[in-house]
Amino acid sequence: PLEISANTIIVASKKKPKTYVAAVVRATRRIDVNHTVKRLMNAGRISFARAEETAELTGMMIGGVTVLALPSQLPIYVDPGLMDLDYIILGGGSRSIKIKVSPEIFGVIPGTMLVNGLTGD
């Protein structure tokens, strides 16, 4: 079900040198890229990373990116609302694999930060 599914989306700054972050939000929500993420990245303009950028950076295709195997230098912003769920369904590294995990997993992934307002709520 979408209510317990979370997407990992790569966001990129437009200005060079490009910087990237990963955002993990409930599948039924939208990331607030124009305010919250932009402010956290300290970037003038940002957008969702292109499919090619996502694959080059993560080794995974859009639709299958998992927060569990991201490069260590990539900051990870997580919607705190996910912490209220008993479990979450995440991408498993390919479009055909999903993983059921406790939201407590975010407490052990380096570079992870719970971000209020990540979905504009």
PDB file of N, CA and C in Angstrom:
ATOM      1  N   PRO A   1       0.820  -1.207   0.000  1.00  0.00           N
ATOM      2  CA  PRO A   1       0.000   0.000   0.000  1.00  0.00           C
ATOM      3  C   PRO A   1       0.865   1.272   0.000  1.00  0.00           C
ATOM      4  N   LEU A   2       0.435   2.269  -0.724  1.00  0.00           N
ATOM      5  CA  LEU A   2       1.202   3.507  -0.841  1.00  0.00           C
ATOM      6  C   LEU A   2       1.407   4.222   0.488  1.00  0.00           C
ATOM      7  N   GLU A   3       0.449   4.105   1.414  1.00  0.00           N
ATOM      8  CA  GLU A   3       0.557   4.814   2.702  1.00  0.00           C
ATOM      9  C   GLU A   3       1.764   4.378   3.514  1.00  0.00           C
ATOM     10  N   ILE A   4       2.239   3.165   3.281  1.00  0.00           N
ATOM     11  CA  ILE A   4       3.401   2.670   4.028  1.00  0.00           C
ATOM     12  C   ILE A   4       4.642   2.525   3.146  1.00  0.00           C
ATOM     13  N   SER A   5       4.533   2.999   1.915  1.00  0.00           N
ATOM     14  CA  SER A   5       5.668   2.948   0.994  1.00  0.00           C
ATOM     15  C   SER A   5       6.401   4.278   1.008  1.00  0.00           C
ATOM     16  N   ALA A   6       7.718   4.224   0.858  1.00  0.00           N
ATOM     17  CA  ALA A   6       8.528   5.445   0.825  1.00  0.00           C
ATOM     18  C   ALA A   6       9.411   5.429  -0.414  1.00  0.00           C
ATOM     19  N   ASN A   7       9.539   6.590  -1.025  1.00  0.00           N
ATOM     20  CA  ASN A   7      10.398   6.747  -2.191  1.00  0.00           C
ATOM     21  C   ASN A   7      11.679   7.470  -1.800  1.00  0.00           C
ATOM     22  N   THR A   8      12.778   7.063  -2.382  1.00  0.00           N
ATOM     23  CA  THR A   8      14.059   7.749  -2.223  1.00  0.00           C
ATOM     24  C   THR A   8      14.329   8.479  -3.525  1.00  0.00           C
ATOM     25  N   ILE A   9      14.378   9.801  -3.444  1.00  0.00           N
ATOM     26  CA  ILE A   9      14.514  10.638  -4.631  1.00  0.00           C
ATOM     27  C   ILE A   9      15.781  11.473  -4.514  1.00  0.00           C
ATOM     28  N   ILE A  10      16.546  11.524  -5.583  1.00  0.00           N
ATOM     29  CA  ILE A  10      17.779  12.306  -5.605  1.00  0.00           C
ATOM     30  C   ILE A  10      17.458  13.706  -6.130  1.00  0.00           C
ATOM     31  N   VAL A  11      17.918  14.713  -5.389  1.00  0.00           N
ATOM     32  CA  VAL A  11      17.718  16.117  -5.759  1.00  0.00           C
ATOM     33  C   VAL A  11      19.088  16.711  -6.057  1.00  0.00           C
ATOM     34  N   ALA A  12      19.153  17.556  -7.102  1.00  0.00           N
ATOM     35  CA  ALA A  12      20.426  18.135  -7.542  1.00  0.00           C
ATOM     36  C   ALA A  12      20.349  19.650  -7.601  1.00  0.00           C
ATOM     37  N   SER A  13      21.463  20.297  -7.267  1.00  0.00           N
ATOM     38  CA  SER A  13      21.550  21.740  -7.494  1.00  0.00           C
ATOM     39  C   SER A  13      21.778  21.939  -8.988  1.00  0.00           C
ATOM     40  N   LYS A  14      21.376  23.096  -9.497  1.00  0.00           N
ATOM     41  CA  LYS A  14      21.552  23.363 -10.928  1.00  0.00           C
ATOM     42  C   LYS A  14      22.918  23.967 -11.216  1.00  0.00           C
ATOM     43  N   LYS A  15      23.463  24.698 -10.246  1.00  0.00           N
ATOM     44  CA  LYS A  15      24.732  25.401 -10.436  1.00  0.00           C
ATOM     45  C   LYS A  15      25.905  24.452 -10.219  1.00  0.00           C
ATOM     46  N   LYS A  16      26.958  24.648 -11.004  1.00  0.00           N
ATOM     47  CA  LYS A  16      28.167  23.838 -10.838  1.00  0.00           C
ATOM     48  C   LYS A  16      29.076  24.483  -9.815  1.00  0.00           C
ATOM     49  N   PRO A  17      29.789  23.723  -9.011  1.00  0.00           N
ATOM     50  CA  PRO A  17      29.757  22.265  -9.001  1.00  0.00           C
ATOM     51  C   PRO A  17      28.443  21.764  -8.407  1.00  0.00           C
ATOM     52  N   LYS A  18      27.862  20.779  -9.064  1.00  0.00           N
ATOM     53  CA  LYS A  18      26.575  20.249  -8.619  1.00  0.00           C
ATOM     54  C   LYS A  18      26.713  19.552  -7.276  1.00  0.00           C
ATOM     55  N   THR A  19      25.689  19.731  -6.458  1.00  0.00           N
ATOM     56  CA  THR A  19      25.606  18.990  -5.205  1.00  0.00           C
ATOM     57  C   THR A  19      24.311  18.186  -5.237  1.00  0.00           C
ATOM     58  N   TYR A  20      24.310  17.102  -4.477  1.00  0.00           N
ATOM     59  CA  TYR A  20      23.165  16.198  -4.479  1.00  0.00           C
ATOM     60  C   TYR A  20      22.776  15.842  -3.053  1.00  0.00           C
ATOM     61  N   VAL A  21      21.492  15.554  -2.868  1.00  0.00           N
ATOM     62  CA  VAL A  21      20.989  14.986  -1.618  1.00  0.00           C
ATOM     63  C   VAL A  21      19.959  13.925  -1.993  1.00  0.00           C
ATOM     64  N   ALA A  22      19.692  13.039  -1.049  1.00  0.00           N
ATOM     65  CA  ALA A  22      18.609  12.075  -1.205  1.00  0.00           C
ATOM     66  C   ALA A  22      17.495  12.488  -0.257  1.00  0.00           C
ATOM     67  N   ALA A  23      16.269  12.382  -0.716  1.00  0.00           N
ATOM     68  CA  ALA A  23      15.115  12.674   0.127  1.00  0.00           C
ATOM     69  C   ALA A  23      14.238  11.431   0.173  1.00  0.00           C
ATOM     70  N   VAL A  24      13.839  11.051   1.382  1.00  0.00           N
ATOM     71  CA  VAL A  24      12.994   9.867   1.557  1.00  0.00           C
ATOM     72  C   VAL A  24      11.654  10.335   2.112  1.00  0.00           C
ATOM     73  N   VAL A  25      10.609  10.128   1.319  1.00  0.00           N
ATOM     74  CA  VAL A  25       9.271  10.576   1.708  1.00  0.00           C
ATOM     75  C   VAL A  25       8.250   9.486   1.413  1.00  0.00           C
ATOM     76  N   ARG A  26       7.133   9.577   2.113  1.00  0.00           N
ATOM     77  CA  ARG A  26       6.028   8.653   1.870  1.00  0.00           C
ATOM     78  C   ARG A  26       5.598   8.764   0.407  1.00  0.00           C
ATOM     79  N   ALA A  27       5.259   7.653  -0.202  1.00  0.00           N
ATOM     80  CA  ALA A  27       4.902   7.625  -1.621  1.00  0.00           C
ATOM     81  C   ALA A  27       3.681   8.482  -1.942  1.00  0.00           C
ATOM     82  N   THR A  28       2.878   8.791  -0.945  1.00  0.00           N
ATOM     83  CA  THR A  28       1.676   9.596  -1.164  1.00  0.00           C
ATOM     84  C   THR A  28       1.933  11.096  -0.984  1.00  0.00           C
ATOM     85  N   ARG A  29       3.175  11.492  -0.723  1.00  0.00           N
ATOM     86  CA  ARG A  29       3.513  12.902  -0.467  1.00  0.00           C
ATOM     87  C   ARG A  29       4.455  13.435  -1.535  1.00  0.00           C
ATOM     88  N   ARG A  30       4.537  14.761  -1.604  1.00  0.00           N
ATOM     89  CA  ARG A  30       5.464  15.429  -2.517  1.00  0.00           C
ATOM     90  C   ARG A  30       6.553  16.123  -1.722  1.00  0.00           C
ATOM     91  N   ILE A  31       7.752  16.085  -2.256  1.00  0.00           N
ATOM     92  CA  ILE A  31       8.881  16.762  -1.615  1.00  0.00           C
ATOM     93  C   ILE A  31       8.763  18.262  -1.858  1.00  0.00           C
ATOM     94  N   ASP A  32       9.023  19.044  -0.827  1.00  0.00           N
ATOM     95  CA  ASP A  32       9.010  20.502  -0.950  1.00  0.00           C
ATOM     96  C   ASP A  32      10.389  20.973  -1.427  1.00  0.00           C
ATOM     97  N   VAL A  33      10.641  20.794  -2.733  1.00  0.00           N
ATOM     98  CA  VAL A  33      11.959  21.154  -3.265  1.00  0.00           C
ATOM     99  C   VAL A  33      12.162  22.659  -3.340  1.00  0.00           C
ATOM    100  N   ASN A  34      11.095  23.416  -3.511  1.00  0.00           N
ATOM    101  CA  ASN A  34      11.236  24.861  -3.698  1.00  0.00           C
ATOM    102  C   ASN A  34      11.508  25.631  -2.422  1.00  0.00           C
ATOM    103  N   HIS A  35      11.299  25.032  -1.285  1.00  0.00           N
ATOM    104  CA  HIS A  35      11.533  25.742  -0.027  1.00  0.00           C
ATOM    105  C   HIS A  35      12.486  24.974   0.882  1.00  0.00           C
ATOM    106  N   THR A  36      11.989  23.915   1.491  1.00  0.00           N
ATOM    107  CA  THR A  36      12.759  23.198   2.507  1.00  0.00           C
ATOM    108  C   THR A  36      14.065  22.623   1.968  1.00  0.00           C
ATOM    109  N   VAL A  37      13.998  21.859   0.898  1.00  0.00           N
ATOM    110  CA  VAL A  37      15.210  21.219   0.372  1.00  0.00           C
ATOM    111  C   VAL A  37      16.174  22.271  -0.175  1.00  0.00           C
ATOM    112  N   LYS A  38      15.651  23.252  -0.867  1.00  0.00           N
ATOM    113  CA  LYS A  38      16.477  24.331  -1.419  1.00  0.00           C
ATOM    114  C   LYS A  38      17.242  25.049  -0.309  1.00  0.00           C
ATOM    115  N   ARG A  39      16.556  25.334   0.792  1.00  0.00           N
ATOM    116  CA  ARG A  39      17.190  26.012   1.935  1.00  0.00           C
ATOM    117  C   ARG A  39      18.270  25.130   2.553  1.00  0.00           C
ATOM    118  N   LEU A  40      17.970  23.848   2.750  1.00  0.00           N
ATOM    119  CA  LEU A  40      18.943  22.935   3.351  1.00  0.00           C
ATOM    120  C   LEU A  40      20.176  22.738   2.468  1.00  0.00           C
ATOM    121  N   MET A  41      19.973  22.763   1.168  1.00  0.00           N
ATOM    122  CA  MET A  41      21.091  22.600   0.243  1.00  0.00           C
ATOM    123  C   MET A  41      21.865  23.901   0.051  1.00  0.00           C
ATOM    124  N   ASN A  42      21.282  25.008   0.512  1.00  0.00           N
ATOM    125  CA  ASN A  42      21.900  26.321   0.331  1.00  0.00           C
ATOM    126  C   ASN A  42      22.203  26.560  -1.150  1.00  0.00           C
ATOM    127  N   ALA A  43      21.197  26.271  -1.970  1.00  0.00           N
ATOM    128  CA  ALA A  43      21.353  26.373  -3.421  1.00  0.00           C
ATOM    129  C   ALA A  43      20.323  27.339  -3.987  1.00  0.00           C
ATOM    130  N   GLY A  44      20.711  28.031  -5.037  1.00  0.00           N
ATOM    131  CA  GLY A  44      19.797  28.968  -5.682  1.00  0.00           C
ATOM    132  C   GLY A  44      18.677  28.256  -6.412  1.00  0.00           C
ATOM    133  N   ARG A  45      19.053  27.283  -7.234  1.00  0.00           N
ATOM    134  CA  ARG A  45      18.059  26.533  -7.994  1.00  0.00           C
ATOM    135  C   ARG A  45      18.363  25.048  -7.864  1.00  0.00           C
ATOM    136  N   ILE A  46      17.305  24.269  -7.688  1.00  0.00           N
ATOM    137  CA  ILE A  46      17.455  22.818  -7.580  1.00  0.00           C
ATOM    138  C   ILE A  46      16.360  22.135  -8.388  1.00  0.00           C
ATOM    139  N   SER A  47      16.556  20.865  -8.643  1.00  0.00           N
ATOM    140  CA  SER A  47      15.542  20.070  -9.330  1.00  0.00           C
ATOM    141  C   SER A  47      15.792  18.600  -9.009  1.00  0.00           C
ATOM    142  N   PHE A  48      14.865  17.774  -9.428  1.00  0.00           N
ATOM    143  CA  PHE A  48      15.079  16.343  -9.277  1.00  0.00           C
ATOM    144  C   PHE A  48      16.209  15.947 -10.223  1.00  0.00           C
ATOM    145  N   ALA A  49      17.080  15.084  -9.762  1.00  0.00           N
ATOM    146  CA  ALA A  49      18.187  14.632 -10.608  1.00  0.00           C
ATOM    147  C   ALA A  49      17.636  13.867 -11.806  1.00  0.00           C
ATOM    148  N   ARG A  50      18.284  14.043 -12.946  1.00  0.00           N
ATOM    149  CA  ARG A  50      17.894  13.302 -14.141  1.00  0.00           C
ATOM    150  C   ARG A  50      18.170  11.814 -13.921  1.00  0.00           C
ATOM    151  N   ALA A  51      17.506  10.992 -14.693  1.00  0.00           N
ATOM    152  CA  ALA A  51      17.669   9.535 -14.570  1.00  0.00           C
ATOM    153  C   ALA A  51      19.135   9.136 -14.720  1.00  0.00           C
ATOM    154  N   GLU A  52      19.835   9.774 -15.655  1.00  0.00           N
ATOM    155  CA  GLU A  52      21.249   9.457 -15.882  1.00  0.00           C
ATOM    156  C   GLU A  52      22.096   9.843 -14.669  1.00  0.00           C
ATOM    157  N   GLU A  53      21.804  11.008 -14.096  1.00  0.00           N
ATOM    158  CA  GLU A  53      22.541  11.460 -12.908  1.00  0.00           C
ATOM    159  C   GLU A  53      22.309  10.508 -11.744  1.00  0.00           C
ATOM    160  N   THR A  54      21.052  10.125 -11.554  1.00  0.00           N
ATOM    161  CA  THR A  54      20.710   9.211 -10.466  1.00  0.00           C
ATOM    162  C   THR A  54      21.453   7.891 -10.626  1.00  0.00           C
ATOM    163  N   ALA A  55      21.457   7.350 -11.828  1.00  0.00           N
ATOM    164  CA  ALA A  55      22.140   6.074 -12.077  1.00  0.00           C
ATOM    165  C   ALA A  55      23.645   6.206 -11.869  1.00  0.00           C
ATOM    166  N   GLU A  56      24.227   7.310 -12.343  1.00  0.00           N
ATOM    167  CA  GLU A  56      25.673   7.509 -12.190  1.00  0.00           C
ATOM    168  C   GLU A  56      26.064   7.667 -10.721  1.00  0.00           C
ATOM    169  N   LEU A  57      25.260   8.404  -9.980  1.00  0.00           N
ATOM    170  CA  LEU A  57      25.558   8.682  -8.577  1.00  0.00           C
ATOM    171  C   LEU A  57      25.320   7.476  -7.672  1.00  0.00           C
ATOM    172  N   THR A  58      24.230   6.740  -7.922  1.00  0.00           N
ATOM    173  CA  THR A  58      23.817   5.676  -7.006  1.00  0.00           C
ATOM    174  C   THR A  58      24.034   4.262  -7.539  1.00  0.00           C
ATOM    175  N   GLY A  59      24.156   4.124  -8.849  1.00  0.00           N
ATOM    176  CA  GLY A  59      24.218   2.795  -9.450  1.00  0.00           C
ATOM    177  C   GLY A  59      22.848   2.153  -9.564  1.00  0.00           C
ATOM    178  N   MET A  60      21.793   2.942  -9.321  1.00  0.00           N
ATOM    179  CA  MET A  60      20.428   2.416  -9.347  1.00  0.00           C
ATOM    180  C   MET A  60      19.556   3.264 -10.271  1.00  0.00           C
ATOM    181  N   MET A  61      18.489   2.645 -10.768  1.00  0.00           N
ATOM    182  CA  MET A  61      17.553   3.348 -11.638  1.00  0.00           C
ATOM    183  C   MET A  61      16.484   4.042 -10.809  1.00  0.00           C
ATOM    184  N   ILE A  62      15.974   5.157 -11.327  1.00  0.00           N
ATOM    185  CA  ILE A  62      14.840   5.822 -10.698  1.00  0.00           C
ATOM    186  C   ILE A  62      13.715   4.798 -10.569  1.00  0.00           C
ATOM    187  N   GLY A  63      13.074   4.778  -9.424  1.00  0.00           N
ATOM    188  CA  GLY A  63      12.021   3.804  -9.161  1.00  0.00           C
ATOM    189  C   GLY A  63      12.513   2.610  -8.368  1.00  0.00           C
ATOM    190  N   GLY A  64      13.825   2.497  -8.228  1.00  0.00           N
ATOM    191  CA  GLY A  64      14.384   1.391  -7.464  1.00  0.00           C
ATOM    192  C   GLY A  64      15.468   1.822  -6.497  1.00  0.00           C
ATOM    193  N   VAL A  65      15.693   3.133  -6.374  1.00  0.00           N
ATOM    194  CA  VAL A  65      16.756   3.630  -5.497  1.00  0.00           C
ATOM    195  C   VAL A  65      16.443   3.263  -4.049  1.00  0.00           C
ATOM    196  N   THR A  66      17.415   2.683  -3.372  1.00  0.00           N
ATOM    197  CA  THR A  66      17.240   2.358  -1.963  1.00  0.00           C
ATOM    198  C   THR A  66      18.141   3.233  -1.105  1.00  0.00           C
ATOM    199  N   VAL A  67      17.601   3.702  -0.033  1.00  0.00           N
ATOM    200  CA  VAL A  67      18.360   4.508   0.922  1.00  0.00           C
ATOM    201  C   VAL A  67      19.430   3.664   1.615  1.00  0.00           C
ATOM    202  N   LEU A  68      19.303   2.354   1.531  1.00  0.00           N
ATOM    203  CA  LEU A  68      20.213   1.447   2.228  1.00  0.00           C
ATOM    204  C   LEU A  68      21.564   1.274   1.539  1.00  0.00           C
ATOM    205  N   ALA A  69      21.715   1.784   0.317  1.00  0.00           N
ATOM    206  CA  ALA A  69      22.968   1.570  -0.417  1.00  0.00           C
ATOM    207  C   ALA A  69      23.434   2.827  -1.146  1.00  0.00           C
ATOM    208  N   LEU A  70      23.226   3.969  -0.534  1.00  0.00           N
ATOM    209  CA  LEU A  70      23.647   5.226  -1.153  1.00  0.00           C
ATOM    210  C   LEU A  70      25.103   5.528  -0.836  1.00  0.00           C
ATOM    211  N   PRO A  71      25.756   6.327  -1.677  1.00  0.00           N
ATOM    212  CA  PRO A  71      27.135   6.727  -1.379  1.00  0.00           C
ATOM    213  C   PRO A  71      27.209   7.439  -0.027  1.00  0.00           C
ATOM    214  N   SER A  72      28.264   7.188   0.715  1.00  0.00           N
ATOM    215  CA  SER A  72      28.371   7.716   2.081  1.00  0.00           C
ATOM    216  C   SER A  72      28.433   9.236   2.145  1.00  0.00           C
ATOM    217  N   GLN A  73      28.866   9.897   1.075  1.00  0.00           N
ATOM    218  CA  GLN A  73      28.964  11.356   1.105  1.00  0.00           C
ATOM    219  C   GLN A  73      27.635  12.045   0.797  1.00  0.00           C
ATOM    220  N   LEU A  74      26.606  11.287   0.471  1.00  0.00           N
ATOM    221  CA  LEU A  74      25.317  11.855   0.086  1.00  0.00           C
ATOM    222  C   LEU A  74      24.446  12.097   1.317  1.00  0.00           C
ATOM    223  N   PRO A  75      24.111  13.374   1.618  1.00  0.00           N
ATOM    224  CA  PRO A  75      23.197  13.633   2.737  1.00  0.00           C
ATOM    225  C   PRO A  75      21.826  13.011   2.447  1.00  0.00           C
ATOM    226  N   ILE A  76      21.167  12.539   3.493  1.00  0.00           N
ATOM    227  CA  ILE A  76      19.857  11.903   3.350  1.00  0.00           C
ATOM    228  C   ILE A  76      18.862  12.636   4.238  1.00  0.00           C
ATOM    229  N   TYR A  77      17.841  13.231   3.615  1.00  0.00           N
ATOM    230  CA  TYR A  77      16.780  13.922   4.340  1.00  0.00           C
ATOM    231  C   TYR A  77      15.570  12.997   4.404  1.00  0.00           C
ATOM    232  N   VAL A  78      15.045  12.803   5.602  1.00  0.00           N
ATOM    233  CA  VAL A  78      13.935  11.868   5.811  1.00  0.00           C
ATOM    234  C   VAL A  78      12.735  12.598   6.395  1.00  0.00           C
ATOM    235  N   ASP A  79      11.566  12.314   5.852  1.00  0.00           N
ATOM    236  CA  ASP A  79      10.310  12.855   6.371  1.00  0.00           C
ATOM    237  C   ASP A  79      10.042  12.231   7.742  1.00  0.00           C
ATOM    238  N   PRO A  80       9.973  13.041   8.815  1.00  0.00           N
ATOM    239  CA  PRO A  80       9.753  12.498  10.160  1.00  0.00           C
ATOM    240  C   PRO A  80       8.447  11.714  10.297  1.00  0.00           C
ATOM    241  N   GLY A  81       7.472  11.975   9.429  1.00  0.00           N
ATOM    242  CA  GLY A  81       6.213  11.241   9.473  1.00  0.00           C
ATOM    243  C   GLY A  81       6.389   9.747   9.258  1.00  0.00           C
ATOM    244  N   LEU A  82       7.470   9.358   8.605  1.00  0.00           N
ATOM    245  CA  LEU A  82       7.742   7.930   8.398  1.00  0.00           C
ATOM    246  C   LEU A  82       8.021   7.214   9.712  1.00  0.00           C
ATOM    247  N   MET A  83       8.507   7.953  10.695  1.00  0.00           N
ATOM    248  CA  MET A  83       8.865   7.348  11.982  1.00  0.00           C
ATOM    249  C   MET A  83       7.638   6.866  12.760  1.00  0.00           C
ATOM    250  N   ASP A  84       6.455   7.347  12.386  1.00  0.00           N
ATOM    251  CA  ASP A  84       5.218   6.949  13.063  1.00  0.00           C
ATOM    252  C   ASP A  84       4.676   5.606  12.576  1.00  0.00           C
ATOM    253  N   LEU A  85       5.239   5.092  11.500  1.00  0.00           N
ATOM    254  CA  LEU A  85       4.753   3.841  10.929  1.00  0.00           C
ATOM    255  C   LEU A  85       5.395   2.638  11.616  1.00  0.00           C
ATOM    256  N   ASP A  86       4.678   1.524  11.631  1.00  0.00           N
ATOM    257  CA  ASP A  86       5.229   0.286  12.196  1.00  0.00           C
ATOM    258  C   ASP A  86       6.342  -0.258  11.308  1.00  0.00           C
ATOM    259  N   TYR A  87       6.151  -0.145  10.007  1.00  0.00           N
ATOM    260  CA  TYR A  87       7.167  -0.549   9.044  1.00  0.00           C
ATOM    261  C   TYR A  87       6.975   0.260   7.767  1.00  0.00           C
ATOM    262  N   ILE A  88       7.998   0.211   6.917  1.00  0.00           N
ATOM    263  CA  ILE A  88       8.001   0.963   5.666  1.00  0.00           C
ATOM    264  C   ILE A  88       8.434   0.014   4.550  1.00  0.00           C
ATOM    265  N   ILE A  89       7.869   0.226   3.374  1.00  0.00           N
ATOM    266  CA  ILE A  89       8.304  -0.498   2.185  1.00  0.00           C
ATOM    267  C   ILE A  89       9.202   0.455   1.389  1.00  0.00           C
ATOM    268  N   LEU A  90      10.469   0.065   1.218  1.00  0.00           N
ATOM    269  CA  LEU A  90      11.459   0.871   0.499  1.00  0.00           C
ATOM    270  C   LEU A  90      11.865   0.182  -0.794  1.00  0.00           C
ATOM    271  N   GLY A  91      12.409   0.973  -1.712  1.00  0.00           N
ATOM    272  CA  GLY A  91      13.025   0.397  -2.897  1.00  0.00           C
ATOM    273  C   GLY A  91      14.184  -0.487  -2.475  1.00  0.00           C
ATOM    274  N   GLY A  92      14.429  -1.536  -3.253  1.00  0.00           N
ATOM    275  CA  GLY A  92      15.474  -2.484  -2.893  1.00  0.00           C
ATOM    276  C   GLY A  92      16.686  -2.460  -3.800  1.00  0.00           C
ATOM    277  N   GLY A  93      16.851  -1.392  -4.574  1.00  0.00           N
ATOM    278  CA  GLY A  93      18.013  -1.298  -5.439  1.00  0.00           C
ATOM    279  C   GLY A  93      17.704  -1.552  -6.902  1.00  0.00           C
ATOM    280  N   SER A  94      16.526  -2.087  -7.187  1.00  0.00           N
ATOM    281  CA  SER A  94      16.049  -2.231  -8.565  1.00  0.00           C
ATOM    282  C   SER A  94      14.536  -2.035  -8.538  1.00  0.00           C
ATOM    283  N   ARG A  95      13.980  -1.798  -9.696  1.00  0.00           N
ATOM    284  CA  ARG A  95      12.539  -1.535  -9.750  1.00  0.00           C
ATOM    285  C   ARG A  95      11.694  -2.733  -9.333  1.00  0.00           C
ATOM    286  N   SER A  96      12.256  -3.915  -9.406  1.00  0.00           N
ATOM    287  CA  SER A  96      11.477  -5.121  -9.107  1.00  0.00           C
ATOM    288  C   SER A  96      11.640  -5.616  -7.672  1.00  0.00           C
ATOM    289  N   ILE A  97      12.443  -4.920  -6.865  1.00  0.00           N
ATOM    290  CA  ILE A  97      12.683  -5.365  -5.489  1.00  0.00           C
ATOM    291  C   ILE A  97      12.218  -4.305  -4.498  1.00  0.00           C
ATOM    292  N   LYS A  98      11.462  -4.724  -3.506  1.00  0.00           N
ATOM    293  CA  LYS A  98      11.038  -3.854  -2.407  1.00  0.00           C
ATOM    294  C   LYS A  98      11.453  -4.517  -1.102  1.00  0.00           C
ATOM    295  N   ILE A  99      11.719  -3.692  -0.091  1.00  0.00           N
ATOM    296  CA  ILE A  99      12.192  -4.191   1.201  1.00  0.00           C
ATOM    297  C   ILE A  99      11.297  -3.639   2.305  1.00  0.00           C
ATOM    298  N   LYS A 100      10.902  -4.507   3.227  1.00  0.00           N
ATOM    299  CA  LYS A 100      10.102  -4.105   4.383  1.00  0.00           C
ATOM    300  C   LYS A 100      11.051  -3.890   5.557  1.00  0.00           C
ATOM    301  N   VAL A 101      11.066  -2.658   6.113  1.00  0.00           N
ATOM    302  CA  VAL A 101      11.978  -2.328   7.212  1.00  0.00           C
ATOM    303  C   VAL A 101      11.255  -1.524   8.286  1.00  0.00           C
ATOM    304  N   SER A 102      11.834  -1.520   9.463  1.00  0.00           N
ATOM    305  CA  SER A 102      11.365  -0.648  10.534  1.00  0.00           C
ATOM    306  C   SER A 102      11.892   0.758  10.256  1.00  0.00           C
ATOM    307  N   PRO A 103      11.122   1.798  10.562  1.00  0.00           N
ATOM    308  CA  PRO A 103      11.634   3.159  10.375  1.00  0.00           C
ATOM    309  C   PRO A 103      12.856   3.448  11.243  1.00  0.00           C
ATOM    310  N   GLU A 104      13.099   2.618  12.242  1.00  0.00           N
ATOM    311  CA  GLU A 104      14.283   2.791  13.087  1.00  0.00           C
ATOM    312  C   GLU A 104      15.578   2.644  12.288  1.00  0.00           C
ATOM    313  N   ILE A 105      15.487   2.094  11.074  1.00  0.00           N
ATOM    314  CA  ILE A 105      16.661   1.936  10.219  1.00  0.00           C
ATOM    315  C   ILE A 105      17.333   3.284   9.951  1.00  0.00           C
ATOM    316  N   PHE A 106      16.533   4.348   9.925  1.00  0.00           N
ATOM    317  CA  PHE A 106      17.097   5.673   9.643  1.00  0.00           C
ATOM    318  C   PHE A 106      18.043   6.137  10.746  1.00  0.00           C
ATOM    319  N   GLY A 107      17.918   5.572  11.926  1.00  0.00           N
ATOM    320  CA  GLY A 107      18.803   5.923  13.030  1.00  0.00           C
ATOM    321  C   GLY A 107      20.199   5.346  12.905  1.00  0.00           C
ATOM    322  N   VAL A 108      20.385   4.383  12.008  1.00  0.00           N
ATOM    323  CA  VAL A 108      21.704   3.755  11.861  1.00  0.00           C
ATOM    324  C   VAL A 108      22.363   4.029  10.507  1.00  0.00           C
ATOM    325  N   ILE A 109      21.674   4.725   9.624  1.00  0.00           N
ATOM    326  CA  ILE A 109      22.259   5.060   8.322  1.00  0.00           C
ATOM    327  C   ILE A 109      23.009   6.382   8.460  1.00  0.00           C
ATOM    328  N   PRO A 110      24.320   6.387   8.233  1.00  0.00           N
ATOM    329  CA  PRO A 110      25.101   7.626   8.359  1.00  0.00           C
ATOM    330  C   PRO A 110      24.602   8.714   7.405  1.00  0.00           C
ATOM    331  N   GLY A 111      24.662   9.955   7.869  1.00  0.00           N
ATOM    332  CA  GLY A 111      24.282  11.088   7.032  1.00  0.00           C
ATOM    333  C   GLY A 111      22.800  11.342   6.949  1.00  0.00           C
ATOM    334  N   THR A 112      22.019  10.639   7.782  1.00  0.00           N
ATOM    335  CA  THR A 112      20.564  10.779   7.751  1.00  0.00           C
ATOM    336  C   THR A 112      20.102  11.862   8.716  1.00  0.00           C
ATOM    337  N   MET A 113      19.163  12.682   8.241  1.00  0.00           N
ATOM    338  CA  MET A 113      18.630  13.760   9.066  1.00  0.00           C
ATOM    339  C   MET A 113      17.113  13.803   8.894  1.00  0.00           C
ATOM    340  N   LEU A 114      16.379  13.772  10.013  1.00  0.00           N
ATOM    341  CA  LEU A 114      14.931  13.956   9.964  1.00  0.00           C
ATOM    342  C   LEU A 114      14.675  15.435   9.719  1.00  0.00           C
ATOM    343  N   VAL A 115      13.833  15.749   8.728  1.00  0.00           N
ATOM    344  CA  VAL A 115      13.622  17.137   8.322  1.00  0.00           C
ATOM    345  C   VAL A 115      12.142  17.484   8.375  1.00  0.00           C
ATOM    346  N   ASN A 116      11.767  18.305   9.353  1.00  0.00           N
ATOM    347  CA  ASN A 116      10.393  18.799   9.406  1.00  0.00           C
ATOM    348  C   ASN A 116      10.128  19.651   8.173  1.00  0.00           C
ATOM    349  N   GLY A 117       8.941  19.509   7.596  1.00  0.00           N
ATOM    350  CA  GLY A 117       8.573  20.291   6.421  1.00  0.00           C
ATOM    351  C   GLY A 117       9.110  19.750   5.109  1.00  0.00           C
ATOM    352  N   LEU A 118       9.687  18.563   5.120  1.00  0.00           N
ATOM    353  CA  LEU A 118      10.250  17.997   3.896  1.00  0.00           C
ATOM    354  C   LEU A 118       9.183  17.811   2.823  1.00  0.00           C
ATOM    355  N   THR A 119       7.957  17.551   3.248  1.00  0.00           N
ATOM    356  CA  THR A 119       6.865  17.385   2.293  1.00  0.00           C
ATOM    357  C   THR A 119       5.944  18.597   2.260  1.00  0.00           C
ATOM    358  N   GLY A 120       6.364  19.688   2.859  1.00  0.00           N
ATOM    359  CA  GLY A 120       5.572  20.901   2.825  1.00  0.00           C
ATOM    360  C   GLY A 120       4.365  20.881   3.743  1.00  0.00           C
ATOM    361  N   ASP A 121       4.259  19.870   4.597  1.00  0.00           N
ATOM    362  CA  ASP A 121       3.120  19.772   5.528  1.00  0.00           C
ATOM    363  C   ASP A 121       3.323  20.684   6.716  1.00  0.00           C
TER     364      ASP A 121
END
